[in-house]
Amino acid sequence: ILLVSFVGVLWQLSSGFVFHVGGYSLAI
């Protein structure tokens, strides 16, 4: 139940994570 509850929260929180590598931006 905790997994179901927090997977959505964690997905939403990390949806805006952008990595900048060698002048390129990578969103996962």
PDB file of all heavy atoms in Angstrom:
ATOM      1  N   ILE A   1       0.830  -1.203   0.000  1.00  0.00           N
ATOM      2  CA  ILE A   1       0.000   0.000   0.000  1.00  0.00           C
ATOM      3  C   ILE A   1       0.867   1.257   0.000  1.00  0.00           C
ATOM      4  O   ILE A   1       0.576   2.245  -0.704  1.00  0.00           O
ATOM      5  CB  ILE A   1      -0.952  -0.016   1.207  1.00  0.00           C
ATOM      6  CG1 ILE A   1      -1.978  -1.150   1.042  1.00  0.00           C
ATOM      7  CG2 ILE A   1      -1.668   1.317   1.355  1.00  0.00           C
ATOM      8  CD1 ILE A   1      -2.944  -1.287   2.195  1.00  0.00           C
ATOM      9  N   LEU A   2       1.956   1.240   0.771  1.00  0.00           N
ATOM     10  CA  LEU A   2       2.870   2.379   0.761  1.00  0.00           C
ATOM     11  C   LEU A   2       3.503   2.561  -0.620  1.00  0.00           C
ATOM     12  O   LEU A   2       3.684   3.691  -1.083  1.00  0.00           O
ATOM     13  CB  LEU A   2       3.951   2.194   1.817  1.00  0.00           C
ATOM     14  CG  LEU A   2       3.567   2.528   3.264  1.00  0.00           C
ATOM     15  CD1 LEU A   2       4.705   2.160   4.209  1.00  0.00           C
ATOM     16  CD2 LEU A   2       3.218   4.005   3.400  1.00  0.00           C
ATOM     17  N   LEU A   3       3.850   1.444  -1.264  1.00  0.00           N
ATOM     18  CA  LEU A   3       4.446   1.517  -2.590  1.00  0.00           C
ATOM     19  C   LEU A   3       3.474   2.162  -3.573  1.00  0.00           C
ATOM     20  O   LEU A   3       3.836   3.072  -4.336  1.00  0.00           O
ATOM     21  CB  LEU A   3       4.832   0.117  -3.062  1.00  0.00           C
ATOM     22  CG  LEU A   3       5.420   0.009  -4.474  1.00  0.00           C
ATOM     23  CD1 LEU A   3       6.734   0.767  -4.566  1.00  0.00           C
ATOM     24  CD2 LEU A   3       5.612  -1.457  -4.855  1.00  0.00           C
ATOM     25  N   VAL A   4       2.211   1.710  -3.552  1.00  0.00           N
ATOM     26  CA  VAL A   4       1.203   2.278  -4.449  1.00  0.00           C
ATOM     27  C   VAL A   4       1.002   3.760  -4.152  1.00  0.00           C
ATOM     28  O   VAL A   4       0.853   4.589  -5.065  1.00  0.00           O
ATOM     29  CB  VAL A   4      -0.117   1.505  -4.306  1.00  0.00           C
ATOM     30  CG1 VAL A   4      -1.230   2.200  -5.066  1.00  0.00           C
ATOM     31  CG2 VAL A   4       0.040   0.070  -4.793  1.00  0.00           C
ATOM     32  N   SER A   5       1.037   4.113  -2.864  1.00  0.00           N
ATOM     33  CA  SER A   5       0.797   5.501  -2.474  1.00  0.00           C
ATOM     34  C   SER A   5       1.930   6.424  -2.899  1.00  0.00           C
ATOM     35  O   SER A   5       1.688   7.571  -3.313  1.00  0.00           O
ATOM     36  CB  SER A   5       0.605   5.592  -0.955  1.00  0.00           C
ATOM     37  OG  SER A   5      -0.462   4.782  -0.524  1.00  0.00           O
ATOM     38  N   PHE A   6       3.171   5.955  -2.807  1.00  0.00           N
ATOM     39  CA  PHE A   6       4.309   6.846  -3.008  1.00  0.00           C
ATOM     40  C   PHE A   6       4.922   6.758  -4.401  1.00  0.00           C
ATOM     41  O   PHE A   6       5.721   7.623  -4.761  1.00  0.00           O
ATOM     42  CB  PHE A   6       5.388   6.564  -1.959  1.00  0.00           C
ATOM     43  CG  PHE A   6       5.123   7.253  -0.642  1.00  0.00           C
ATOM     44  CD1 PHE A   6       4.443   6.605   0.362  1.00  0.00           C
ATOM     45  CD2 PHE A   6       5.532   8.565  -0.440  1.00  0.00           C
ATOM     46  CE1 PHE A   6       4.190   7.236   1.571  1.00  0.00           C
ATOM     47  CE2 PHE A   6       5.286   9.208   0.753  1.00  0.00           C
ATOM     48  CZ  PHE A   6       4.609   8.547   1.764  1.00  0.00           C
ATOM     49  N   VAL A   7       4.613   5.722  -5.172  1.00  0.00           N
ATOM     50  CA  VAL A   7       5.146   5.666  -6.525  1.00  0.00           C
ATOM     51  C   VAL A   7       4.668   6.872  -7.328  1.00  0.00           C
ATOM     52  O   VAL A   7       5.453   7.532  -8.044  1.00  0.00           O
ATOM     53  CB  VAL A   7       4.749   4.345  -7.212  1.00  0.00           C
ATOM     54  CG1 VAL A   7       4.863   4.474  -8.724  1.00  0.00           C
ATOM     55  CG2 VAL A   7       5.650   3.220  -6.752  1.00  0.00           C
ATOM     56  N   GLY A   8       3.388   7.191  -7.209  1.00  0.00           N
ATOM     57  CA  GLY A   8       2.856   8.358  -7.924  1.00  0.00           C
ATOM     58  C   GLY A   8       3.485   9.654  -7.448  1.00  0.00           C
ATOM     59  O   GLY A   8       3.799  10.542  -8.250  1.00  0.00           O
ATOM     60  N   VAL A   9       3.669   9.757  -6.111  1.00  0.00           N
ATOM     61  CA  VAL A   9       4.290  10.962  -5.559  1.00  0.00           C
ATOM     62  C   VAL A   9       5.719  11.109  -6.081  1.00  0.00           C
ATOM     63  O   VAL A   9       6.137  12.192  -6.526  1.00  0.00           O
ATOM     64  CB  VAL A   9       4.282  10.912  -4.021  1.00  0.00           C
ATOM     65  CG1 VAL A   9       5.060  12.099  -3.437  1.00  0.00           C
ATOM     66  CG2 VAL A   9       2.855  10.908  -3.499  1.00  0.00           C
ATOM     67  N   LEU A  10       6.477  10.009  -6.031  1.00  0.00           N
ATOM     68  CA  LEU A  10       7.872  10.061  -6.466  1.00  0.00           C
ATOM     69  C   LEU A  10       7.970  10.322  -7.972  1.00  0.00           C
ATOM     70  O   LEU A  10       8.871  11.042  -8.431  1.00  0.00           O
ATOM     71  CB  LEU A  10       8.570   8.740  -6.109  1.00  0.00           C
ATOM     72  CG  LEU A  10      10.084   8.691  -6.340  1.00  0.00           C
ATOM     73  CD1 LEU A  10      10.800   9.761  -5.530  1.00  0.00           C
ATOM     74  CD2 LEU A  10      10.631   7.306  -5.981  1.00  0.00           C
ATOM     75  N   TRP A  11       7.062   9.729  -8.747  1.00  0.00           N
ATOM     76  CA  TRP A  11       7.064   9.966 -10.189  1.00  0.00           C
ATOM     77  C   TRP A  11       6.814  11.444 -10.496  1.00  0.00           C
ATOM     78  O   TRP A  11       7.494  12.044 -11.338  1.00  0.00           O
ATOM     79  CB  TRP A  11       5.992   9.099 -10.838  1.00  0.00           C
ATOM     80  CG  TRP A  11       6.005   9.161 -12.345  1.00  0.00           C
ATOM     81  CD1 TRP A  11       5.519  10.169 -13.140  1.00  0.00           C
ATOM     82  CD2 TRP A  11       6.549   8.175 -13.225  1.00  0.00           C
ATOM     83  NE1 TRP A  11       5.707   9.865 -14.451  1.00  0.00           N
ATOM     84  CE2 TRP A  11       6.344   8.652 -14.547  1.00  0.00           C
ATOM     85  CE3 TRP A  11       7.172   6.949 -13.043  1.00  0.00           C
ATOM     86  CZ2 TRP A  11       6.739   7.933 -15.664  1.00  0.00           C
ATOM     87  CZ3 TRP A  11       7.560   6.229 -14.147  1.00  0.00           C
ATOM     88  CH2 TRP A  11       7.355   6.720 -15.442  1.00  0.00           C
ATOM     89  N   GLN A  12       5.852  12.009  -9.778  1.00  0.00           N
ATOM     90  CA  GLN A  12       5.533  13.416 -10.013  1.00  0.00           C
ATOM     91  C   GLN A  12       6.688  14.321  -9.599  1.00  0.00           C
ATOM     92  O   GLN A  12       7.027  15.278 -10.299  1.00  0.00           O
ATOM     93  CB  GLN A  12       4.267  13.792  -9.250  1.00  0.00           C
ATOM     94  CG  GLN A  12       3.809  15.227  -9.490  1.00  0.00           C
ATOM     95  CD  GLN A  12       2.527  15.541  -8.740  1.00  0.00           C
ATOM     96  OE1 GLN A  12       2.028  14.711  -7.978  1.00  0.00           O
ATOM     97  NE2 GLN A  12       1.986  16.727  -8.961  1.00  0.00           N
ATOM     98  N   LEU A  13       7.329  13.995  -8.454  1.00  0.00           N
ATOM     99  CA  LEU A  13       8.431  14.826  -7.980  1.00  0.00           C
ATOM    100  C   LEU A  13       9.627  14.777  -8.919  1.00  0.00           C
ATOM    101  O   LEU A  13      10.343  15.777  -9.076  1.00  0.00           O
ATOM    102  CB  LEU A  13       8.861  14.373  -6.577  1.00  0.00           C
ATOM    103  CG  LEU A  13       7.907  14.702  -5.427  1.00  0.00           C
ATOM    104  CD1 LEU A  13       8.390  14.042  -4.142  1.00  0.00           C
ATOM    105  CD2 LEU A  13       7.795  16.212  -5.236  1.00  0.00           C
ATOM    106  N   SER A  14       9.864  13.622  -9.528  1.00  0.00           N
ATOM    107  CA  SER A  14      11.039  13.480 -10.387  1.00  0.00           C
ATOM    108  C   SER A  14      10.729  13.727 -11.859  1.00  0.00           C
ATOM    109  O   SER A  14      11.609  13.558 -12.715  1.00  0.00           O
ATOM    110  CB  SER A  14      11.649  12.082 -10.228  1.00  0.00           C
ATOM    111  OG  SER A  14      10.713  11.076 -10.563  1.00  0.00           O
ATOM    112  N   SER A  15       9.508  14.139 -12.150  1.00  0.00           N
ATOM    113  CA  SER A  15       9.155  14.383 -13.551  1.00  0.00           C
ATOM    114  C   SER A  15       9.877  15.601 -14.108  1.00  0.00           C
ATOM    115  O   SER A  15      10.093  15.703 -15.325  1.00  0.00           O
ATOM    116  CB  SER A  15       7.637  14.560 -13.698  1.00  0.00           C
ATOM    117  OG  SER A  15       7.204  15.686 -12.926  1.00  0.00           O
ATOM    118  N   GLY A  16      10.253  16.531 -13.240  1.00  0.00           N
ATOM    119  CA  GLY A  16      10.937  17.741 -13.700  1.00  0.00           C
ATOM    120  C   GLY A  16      12.436  17.662 -13.595  1.00  0.00           C
ATOM    121  O   GLY A  16      13.126  18.686 -13.789  1.00  0.00           O
ATOM    122  N   PHE A  17      12.951  16.483 -13.244  1.00  0.00           N
ATOM    123  CA  PHE A  17      14.402  16.344 -13.098  1.00  0.00           C
ATOM    124  C   PHE A  17      15.054  16.377 -14.488  1.00  0.00           C
ATOM    125  O   PHE A  17      14.714  15.562 -15.362  1.00  0.00           O
ATOM    126  CB  PHE A  17      14.755  15.028 -12.401  1.00  0.00           C
ATOM    127  CG  PHE A  17      14.532  15.063 -10.916  1.00  0.00           C
ATOM    128  CD1 PHE A  17      13.775  16.068 -10.322  1.00  0.00           C
ATOM    129  CD2 PHE A  17      15.098  14.094 -10.100  1.00  0.00           C
ATOM    130  CE1 PHE A  17      13.580  16.087  -8.952  1.00  0.00           C
ATOM    131  CE2 PHE A  17      14.906  14.116  -8.731  1.00  0.00           C
ATOM    132  CZ  PHE A  17      14.134  15.112  -8.157  1.00  0.00           C
ATOM    133  N   VAL A  18      15.975  17.312 -14.669  1.00  0.00           N
ATOM    134  CA  VAL A  18      16.682  17.455 -15.942  1.00  0.00           C
ATOM    135  C   VAL A  18      18.185  17.407 -15.668  1.00  0.00           C
ATOM    136  O   VAL A  18      18.687  18.109 -14.778  1.00  0.00           O
ATOM    137  CB  VAL A  18      16.325  18.782 -16.650  1.00  0.00           C
ATOM    138  CG1 VAL A  18      17.087  18.906 -17.967  1.00  0.00           C
ATOM    139  CG2 VAL A  18      14.826  18.873 -16.903  1.00  0.00           C
ATOM    140  N   PHE A  19      18.867  16.551 -16.396  1.00  0.00           N
ATOM    141  CA  PHE A  19      20.311  16.405 -16.232  1.00  0.00           C
ATOM    142  C   PHE A  19      21.013  17.167 -17.365  1.00  0.00           C
ATOM    143  O   PHE A  19      20.618  17.065 -18.541  1.00  0.00           O
ATOM    144  CB  PHE A  19      20.718  14.922 -16.257  1.00  0.00           C
ATOM    145  CG  PHE A  19      20.128  14.127 -15.119  1.00  0.00           C
ATOM    146  CD1 PHE A  19      18.891  13.500 -15.245  1.00  0.00           C
ATOM    147  CD2 PHE A  19      20.807  14.022 -13.922  1.00  0.00           C
ATOM    148  CE1 PHE A  19      18.360  12.786 -14.204  1.00  0.00           C
ATOM    149  CE2 PHE A  19      20.279  13.304 -12.876  1.00  0.00           C
ATOM    150  CZ  PHE A  19      19.061  12.682 -13.010  1.00  0.00           C
ATOM    151  N   HIS A  20      22.054  17.918 -16.984  1.00  0.00           N
ATOM    152  CA  HIS A  20      22.813  18.716 -17.938  1.00  0.00           C
ATOM    153  C   HIS A  20      24.182  18.078 -18.094  1.00  0.00           C
ATOM    154  O   HIS A  20      24.993  18.085 -17.163  1.00  0.00           O
ATOM    155  CB  HIS A  20      22.934  20.163 -17.465  1.00  0.00           C
ATOM    156  CG  HIS A  20      21.604  20.797 -17.175  1.00  0.00           C
ATOM    157  ND1 HIS A  20      20.765  21.291 -18.168  1.00  0.00           N
ATOM    158  CD2 HIS A  20      20.952  21.009 -15.994  1.00  0.00           C
ATOM    159  CE1 HIS A  20      19.674  21.784 -17.612  1.00  0.00           C
ATOM    160  NE2 HIS A  20      19.757  21.619 -16.279  1.00  0.00           N
ATOM    161  N   VAL A  21      24.430  17.485 -19.255  1.00  0.00           N
ATOM    162  CA  VAL A  21      25.680  16.778 -19.518  1.00  0.00           C
ATOM    163  C   VAL A  21      26.277  17.293 -20.822  1.00  0.00           C
ATOM    164  O   VAL A  21      25.652  17.144 -21.897  1.00  0.00           O
ATOM    165  CB  VAL A  21      25.461  15.260 -19.606  1.00  0.00           C
ATOM    166  CG1 VAL A  21      26.799  14.538 -19.843  1.00  0.00           C
ATOM    167  CG2 VAL A  21      24.778  14.739 -18.358  1.00  0.00           C
ATOM    168  N   GLY A  22      27.455  17.918 -20.717  1.00  0.00           N
ATOM    169  CA  GLY A  22      28.176  18.387 -21.911  1.00  0.00           C
ATOM    170  C   GLY A  22      27.368  19.333 -22.769  1.00  0.00           C
ATOM    171  O   GLY A  22      27.404  19.233 -23.996  1.00  0.00           O
ATOM    172  N   GLY A  23      26.624  20.213 -22.115  1.00  0.00           N
ATOM    173  CA  GLY A  23      25.834  21.177 -22.863  1.00  0.00           C
ATOM    174  C   GLY A  23      24.500  20.652 -23.326  1.00  0.00           C
ATOM    175  O   GLY A  23      23.711  21.384 -23.947  1.00  0.00           O
ATOM    176  N   TYR A  24      24.212  19.395 -23.043  1.00  0.00           N
ATOM    177  CA  TYR A  24      22.930  18.802 -23.423  1.00  0.00           C
ATOM    178  C   TYR A  24      22.050  18.639 -22.171  1.00  0.00           C
ATOM    179  O   TYR A  24      22.550  18.417 -21.069  1.00  0.00           O
ATOM    180  CB  TYR A  24      23.122  17.435 -24.078  1.00  0.00           C
ATOM    181  CG  TYR A  24      23.818  17.497 -25.411  1.00  0.00           C
ATOM    182  CD1 TYR A  24      25.190  17.319 -25.482  1.00  0.00           C
ATOM    183  CD2 TYR A  24      23.094  17.732 -26.580  1.00  0.00           C
ATOM    184  CE1 TYR A  24      25.859  17.385 -26.702  1.00  0.00           C
ATOM    185  CE2 TYR A  24      23.749  17.789 -27.808  1.00  0.00           C
ATOM    186  CZ  TYR A  24      25.121  17.614 -27.871  1.00  0.00           C
ATOM    187  OH  TYR A  24      25.775  17.680 -29.060  1.00  0.00           O
ATOM    188  N   SER A  25      20.753  18.741 -22.367  1.00  0.00           N
ATOM    189  CA  SER A  25      19.795  18.531 -21.276  1.00  0.00           C
ATOM    190  C   SER A  25      19.060  17.221 -21.523  1.00  0.00           C
ATOM    191  O   SER A  25      18.529  16.986 -22.623  1.00  0.00           O
ATOM    192  CB  SER A  25      18.790  19.694 -21.204  1.00  0.00           C
ATOM    193  OG  SER A  25      19.452  20.909 -20.921  1.00  0.00           O
ATOM    194  N   LEU A  26      19.024  16.380 -20.463  1.00  0.00           N
ATOM    195  CA  LEU A  26      18.392  15.056 -20.581  1.00  0.00           C
ATOM    196  C   LEU A  26      17.325  14.914 -19.502  1.00  0.00           C
ATOM    197  O   LEU A  26      17.615  15.002 -18.305  1.00  0.00           O
ATOM    198  CB  LEU A  26      19.444  13.952 -20.420  1.00  0.00           C
ATOM    199  CG  LEU A  26      18.921  12.514 -20.456  1.00  0.00           C
ATOM    200  CD1 LEU A  26      18.316  12.199 -21.819  1.00  0.00           C
ATOM    201  CD2 LEU A  26      20.041  11.527 -20.131  1.00  0.00           C
ATOM    202  N   ALA A  27      16.085  14.722 -19.917  1.00  0.00           N
ATOM    203  CA  ALA A  27      14.970  14.531 -18.986  1.00  0.00           C
ATOM    204  C   ALA A  27      14.533  13.063 -19.016  1.00  0.00           C
ATOM    205  O   ALA A  27      14.266  12.518 -20.091  1.00  0.00           O
ATOM    206  CB  ALA A  27      13.804  15.436 -19.354  1.00  0.00           C
ATOM    207  N   ILE A  28      14.476  12.416 -17.844  1.00  0.00           N
ATOM    208  CA  ILE A  28      14.053  11.018 -17.736  1.00  0.00           C
ATOM    209  C   ILE A  28      12.752  10.986 -16.927  1.00  0.00           C
ATOM    210  O   ILE A  28      12.768  11.262 -15.720  1.00  0.00           O
ATOM    211  CB  ILE A  28      15.117  10.154 -17.046  1.00  0.00           C
ATOM    212  CG1 ILE A  28      16.455  10.237 -17.793  1.00  0.00           C
ATOM    213  CG2 ILE A  28      14.651   8.711 -16.947  1.00  0.00           C
ATOM    214  CD1 ILE A  28      17.571   9.465 -17.116  1.00  0.00           C
TER     215      ILE A  28
END
